[in-house]
């Protein structure tokens, strides 16, 4: 079974519910002396790189890491030594850097001594800071929605991603008269969200209904598509 010299997990472990099984599986296939490179989002810097409220608390990311936690995940087991740890930034989209941390670990077969996991205090502090900062940003969005959106009049919501889902629960958008959700992903067309259909941009007409862009990361690009690609003249409302 132990046949690989190198195993690379780039932004994988944050999606895995059973990390014990994952690490054991890695150890089972990598040769003694082999290297494992692991890279994940860096939760210590979530608040520094905050772009949308609670963006990293979503249905896809079930684990949150720091360098220390990443090292501990392997070091509590026998057979692993840390070669290197570090942080970096990657581009999640043009102009939007995202924090990541990584570990380079070597499999060394030595006397099995299981270590009891310890509390990673800095990760807890950083997570709480991210929650506070996200709540503040969400409050700003709510103020903007109430000031720039008539909840009783028809409105189109452009985008059905994680942020849109949060807004439908946490803000007054839940009370808005949404006549249609618009999404560029064909997978979502024809589905129902909050009792309202999700449609293709091709189906949207110049009704005069305002379009709320349910994104903070790509607002300008989405508005450009609305105007240029789809030729719509509807008023556009930003979240912020």
Protein backbone atom coordinates (compact mmCIF):
# COMPACT_ATOMS: atom_id res chain seq x y z
CA UNK A 1 0.00 0.00 0.00
CA UNK A 2 2.81 2.45 0.87
CA UNK A 3 3.79 3.31 -2.70
CA UNK A 4 3.89 7.12 -3.04
CA UNK A 5 6.83 9.44 -2.42
CA UNK A 6 4.69 12.58 -2.32
CA UNK A 7 1.07 13.26 -1.46
CA UNK A 8 -0.43 16.72 -2.04
CA UNK A 9 -3.68 17.96 -0.50
CA UNK A 10 -4.39 21.49 -1.71
CA UNK A 11 -7.54 22.90 -0.09
CA UNK A 12 -8.96 19.49 0.68
CA UNK A 13 -8.95 18.93 4.45
CA UNK A 14 -11.28 21.85 5.17
CA UNK A 15 -13.94 19.89 3.27
CA UNK A 16 -13.39 16.54 5.05
CA UNK A 17 -15.58 15.70 8.03
CA UNK A 18 -13.51 12.77 9.33
CA UNK A 19 -9.97 14.12 9.45
CA UNK A 20 -8.67 11.14 11.46
CA UNK A 21 -9.58 8.79 8.64
CA UNK A 22 -8.11 11.20 6.09
CA UNK A 23 -4.72 11.38 7.81
CA UNK A 24 -4.67 7.63 8.35
CA UNK A 25 -5.42 7.12 4.66
CA UNK A 26 -2.52 9.41 3.71
CA UNK A 27 -0.18 7.53 6.01
CA UNK A 28 -1.29 4.23 4.51
CA UNK A 29 -0.27 5.17 0.96
CA UNK A 30 2.89 7.20 1.49
CA UNK A 31 6.32 5.59 1.78
CA UNK A 32 8.46 5.95 4.91
CA UNK A 33 10.44 9.13 4.35
CA UNK A 34 7.81 10.37 1.91
CA UNK A 35 6.52 13.93 1.95
CA UNK A 36 2.97 15.20 2.40
CA UNK A 37 2.13 18.78 1.44
CA UNK A 38 -1.09 20.13 2.93
CA UNK A 39 -2.59 23.56 2.21
CA UNK A 40 -5.80 24.97 3.68
CA UNK A 41 -7.46 28.34 4.30
CA UNK A 42 -5.78 30.21 7.16
CA UNK A 43 -8.45 30.93 9.77
CA UNK A 44 -6.08 33.15 11.76
CA UNK A 45 -6.41 35.76 9.01
CA UNK A 46 -10.08 35.44 8.06
CA UNK A 47 -10.90 38.82 9.60
CA UNK A 48 -7.96 40.53 7.85
CA UNK A 49 -9.14 39.33 4.45
CA UNK A 50 -12.84 39.74 5.15
CA UNK A 51 -14.76 40.41 1.92
CA UNK A 52 -18.24 39.13 2.74
CA UNK A 53 -19.83 38.37 6.13
CA UNK A 54 -19.29 34.79 7.34
CA UNK A 55 -18.01 33.87 3.87
CA UNK A 56 -15.79 31.12 5.28
CA UNK A 57 -18.58 29.65 7.42
CA UNK A 58 -20.39 27.80 4.68
CA UNK A 59 -21.70 24.38 3.74
CA UNK A 60 -18.41 23.41 2.10
CA UNK A 61 -15.86 24.27 4.81
CA UNK A 62 -16.39 22.04 7.84
CA UNK A 63 -12.90 22.53 9.35
CA UNK A 64 -10.85 25.67 9.98
CA UNK A 65 -7.08 25.65 10.33
CA UNK A 66 -4.08 27.58 11.52
CA UNK A 67 -0.45 26.52 11.05
CA UNK A 68 -0.37 25.22 14.64
CA UNK A 69 -3.59 23.24 14.25
CA UNK A 70 -2.45 21.82 10.93
CA UNK A 71 0.83 20.65 12.49
CA UNK A 72 -0.96 19.22 15.50
CA UNK A 73 -3.34 17.22 13.31
CA UNK A 74 -0.34 15.16 12.15
CA UNK A 75 1.94 15.40 15.19
CA UNK A 76 -0.55 13.83 17.62
CA UNK A 77 0.00 10.63 15.65
CA UNK A 78 3.18 8.63 15.47
CA UNK A 79 5.07 8.60 12.22
CA UNK A 80 5.02 12.27 11.22
CA UNK A 81 7.52 15.08 11.53
CA UNK A 82 7.01 18.70 10.50
CA UNK A 83 9.52 19.85 7.89
CA UNK A 84 8.10 23.31 7.25
CA UNK A 85 5.09 25.50 8.03
CA UNK A 86 4.07 28.78 6.45
CA UNK A 87 1.41 31.15 5.21
CA UNK A 88 0.63 32.55 1.78
CA UNK A 89 -2.04 34.40 -0.17
CA UNK A 90 -3.80 33.04 -3.23
CA UNK A 91 -6.26 34.75 -5.57
CA UNK A 92 -9.79 33.44 -5.12
CA UNK A 93 -10.74 35.72 -8.02
CA UNK A 94 -9.01 38.65 -9.76
CA UNK A 95 -8.17 41.30 -7.17
CA UNK A 96 -9.38 39.18 -4.23
CA UNK A 97 -6.49 37.64 -2.27
CA UNK A 98 -7.33 34.81 0.11
CA UNK A 99 -5.28 33.66 3.15
CA UNK A 100 -3.85 30.16 3.22
CA UNK A 101 -1.50 28.20 5.43
CA UNK A 102 0.51 25.12 4.60
CA UNK A 103 2.52 22.33 6.12
CA UNK A 104 5.25 20.13 4.69
CA UNK A 105 5.31 16.87 6.64
CA UNK A 106 7.54 13.84 6.42
CA UNK A 107 6.52 10.31 7.30
CA UNK A 108 9.04 8.85 9.76
CA UNK A 109 8.42 5.47 11.34
CA UNK A 110 9.41 5.77 14.98
CA UNK A 111 8.06 4.37 18.22
CA UNK A 112 4.27 5.00 18.32
CA UNK A 113 3.42 7.57 20.97
CA UNK A 114 -0.02 9.11 20.63
CA UNK A 115 -0.10 12.67 21.91
CA UNK A 116 -3.18 14.26 23.42
CA UNK A 117 -4.41 17.21 21.30
CA UNK A 118 -4.02 20.59 22.97
CA UNK A 119 -6.21 23.64 22.67
CA UNK A 120 -5.13 26.02 19.91
CA UNK A 121 -5.91 29.31 21.66
CA UNK A 122 -4.91 31.67 18.86
CA UNK A 123 -7.35 29.94 16.51
CA UNK A 124 -10.20 30.50 18.95
CA UNK A 125 -9.34 34.18 19.35
CA UNK A 126 -9.09 34.71 15.59
CA UNK A 127 -12.38 32.91 14.99
CA UNK A 128 -14.18 35.13 17.50
CA UNK A 129 -12.67 38.22 15.85
CA UNK A 130 -13.93 37.02 12.48
CA UNK A 131 -17.42 36.51 13.86
CA UNK A 132 -17.49 40.04 15.29
CA UNK A 133 -16.18 41.60 12.07
CA UNK A 134 -18.64 39.62 9.96
CA UNK A 135 -21.56 40.69 12.11
CA UNK A 136 -20.52 44.34 11.78
CA UNK A 137 -20.35 43.99 7.99
CA UNK A 138 -23.73 42.27 7.91
CA UNK A 139 -25.21 45.14 9.94
CA UNK A 140 -23.86 47.63 7.38
CA UNK A 141 -25.50 45.67 4.59
CA UNK A 142 -28.79 45.70 6.47
CA UNK A 143 -28.65 49.49 6.90
CA UNK A 144 -27.92 49.88 3.19
CA UNK A 145 -30.76 47.57 2.18
CA UNK A 146 -33.28 49.44 4.28
CA UNK A 147 -32.09 52.77 2.91
CA UNK A 148 -31.94 51.81 -0.77
CA UNK A 149 -34.51 49.08 -1.33
CA UNK A 150 -38.29 49.40 -1.19
CA UNK A 151 -39.26 46.11 0.42
CA UNK A 152 -42.85 46.33 -0.80
CA UNK A 153 -42.03 46.85 -4.48
CA UNK A 154 -40.93 44.07 -6.90
CA UNK A 155 -37.18 43.41 -6.97
CA UNK A 156 -34.88 41.01 -8.83
CA UNK A 157 -32.01 39.41 -6.88
CA UNK A 158 -28.92 38.62 -8.97
CA UNK A 159 -26.88 35.74 -7.50
CA UNK A 160 -27.85 32.76 -5.38
CA UNK A 161 -24.57 31.94 -3.65
CA UNK A 162 -23.68 31.54 0.00
CA UNK A 163 -24.03 35.26 0.74
CA UNK A 164 -27.52 35.39 -0.76
CA UNK A 165 -28.56 32.49 1.47
CA UNK A 166 -27.28 34.30 4.54
CA UNK A 167 -29.02 37.55 3.56
CA UNK A 168 -32.35 35.75 3.20
CA UNK A 169 -32.06 34.63 6.82
CA UNK A 170 -30.20 37.46 8.53
CA UNK A 171 -31.47 40.65 6.86
CA UNK A 172 -34.64 42.36 5.71
CA UNK A 173 -34.14 40.79 2.28
CA UNK A 174 -36.28 37.98 3.70
CA UNK A 175 -39.22 40.42 3.66
CA UNK A 176 -38.59 41.86 0.20
CA UNK A 177 -40.99 41.35 -2.70
CA UNK A 178 -38.60 39.20 -4.76
CA UNK A 179 -40.17 38.29 -8.10
CA UNK A 180 -37.19 36.32 -9.38
CA UNK A 181 -33.67 35.23 -8.56
CA UNK A 182 -31.18 35.46 -11.41
CA UNK A 183 -28.10 33.27 -11.66
CA UNK A 184 -25.52 32.68 -14.38
CA UNK A 185 -25.08 29.02 -13.47
CA UNK A 186 -27.34 26.78 -15.61
CA UNK A 187 -27.39 24.19 -12.81
CA UNK A 188 -29.57 26.53 -10.76
CA UNK A 189 -32.08 27.46 -13.47
CA UNK A 190 -35.57 26.22 -12.79
CA UNK A 191 -34.95 25.62 -9.11
CA UNK A 192 -36.95 27.33 -6.38
CA UNK A 193 -35.36 29.43 -3.65
CA UNK A 194 -37.51 30.75 -0.82
CA UNK A 195 -40.57 30.01 -2.94
CA UNK A 196 -39.22 32.08 -5.86
CA UNK A 197 -37.89 30.68 -9.18
CA UNK A 198 -34.23 30.97 -10.21
CA UNK A 199 -33.98 32.04 -13.83
CA UNK A 200 -31.39 32.61 -16.53
CA UNK A 201 -30.23 36.18 -17.24
CA UNK A 202 -31.64 35.70 -20.75
CA UNK A 203 -35.16 35.67 -19.31
CA UNK A 204 -34.85 39.05 -17.61
CA UNK A 205 -36.52 41.97 -19.36
CA UNK A 206 -36.27 45.72 -18.93
CA UNK A 207 -39.22 45.80 -16.57
CA UNK A 208 -37.88 48.68 -14.54
CA UNK A 209 -37.67 46.49 -11.45
CA UNK A 210 -34.49 47.19 -9.49
CA UNK A 211 -31.83 44.49 -9.50
CA UNK A 212 -30.11 43.78 -6.18
CA UNK A 213 -26.66 42.29 -6.73
CA UNK A 214 -26.28 39.69 -3.96
CA UNK A 215 -22.49 39.70 -4.05
CA UNK A 216 -19.74 41.83 -2.57
CA UNK A 217 -16.78 40.29 -4.38
CA UNK A 218 -17.85 40.93 -7.96
CA UNK A 219 -20.43 43.73 -7.85
CA UNK A 220 -18.80 45.91 -10.51
CA UNK A 221 -18.27 43.02 -12.92
CA UNK A 222 -21.84 41.80 -12.46
CA UNK A 223 -23.23 45.27 -13.13
CA UNK A 224 -21.08 45.50 -16.25
CA UNK A 225 -22.54 42.18 -17.44
CA UNK A 226 -26.05 43.42 -16.69
CA UNK A 227 -25.51 46.51 -18.81
CA UNK A 228 -23.22 45.26 -21.58
CA UNK A 229 -23.74 41.52 -21.90
CA UNK A 230 -27.46 41.43 -21.20
CA UNK A 231 -28.42 44.95 -22.26
CA UNK A 232 -30.59 45.66 -19.21
CA UNK A 233 -31.39 49.18 -18.05
CA UNK A 234 -32.99 48.23 -14.71
CA UNK A 235 -31.79 50.22 -11.70
CA UNK A 236 -29.00 48.36 -9.88
CA UNK A 237 -28.64 48.25 -6.09
CA UNK A 238 -25.36 47.27 -4.41
CA UNK A 239 -25.15 45.63 -1.00
CA UNK A 240 -22.63 48.27 0.03
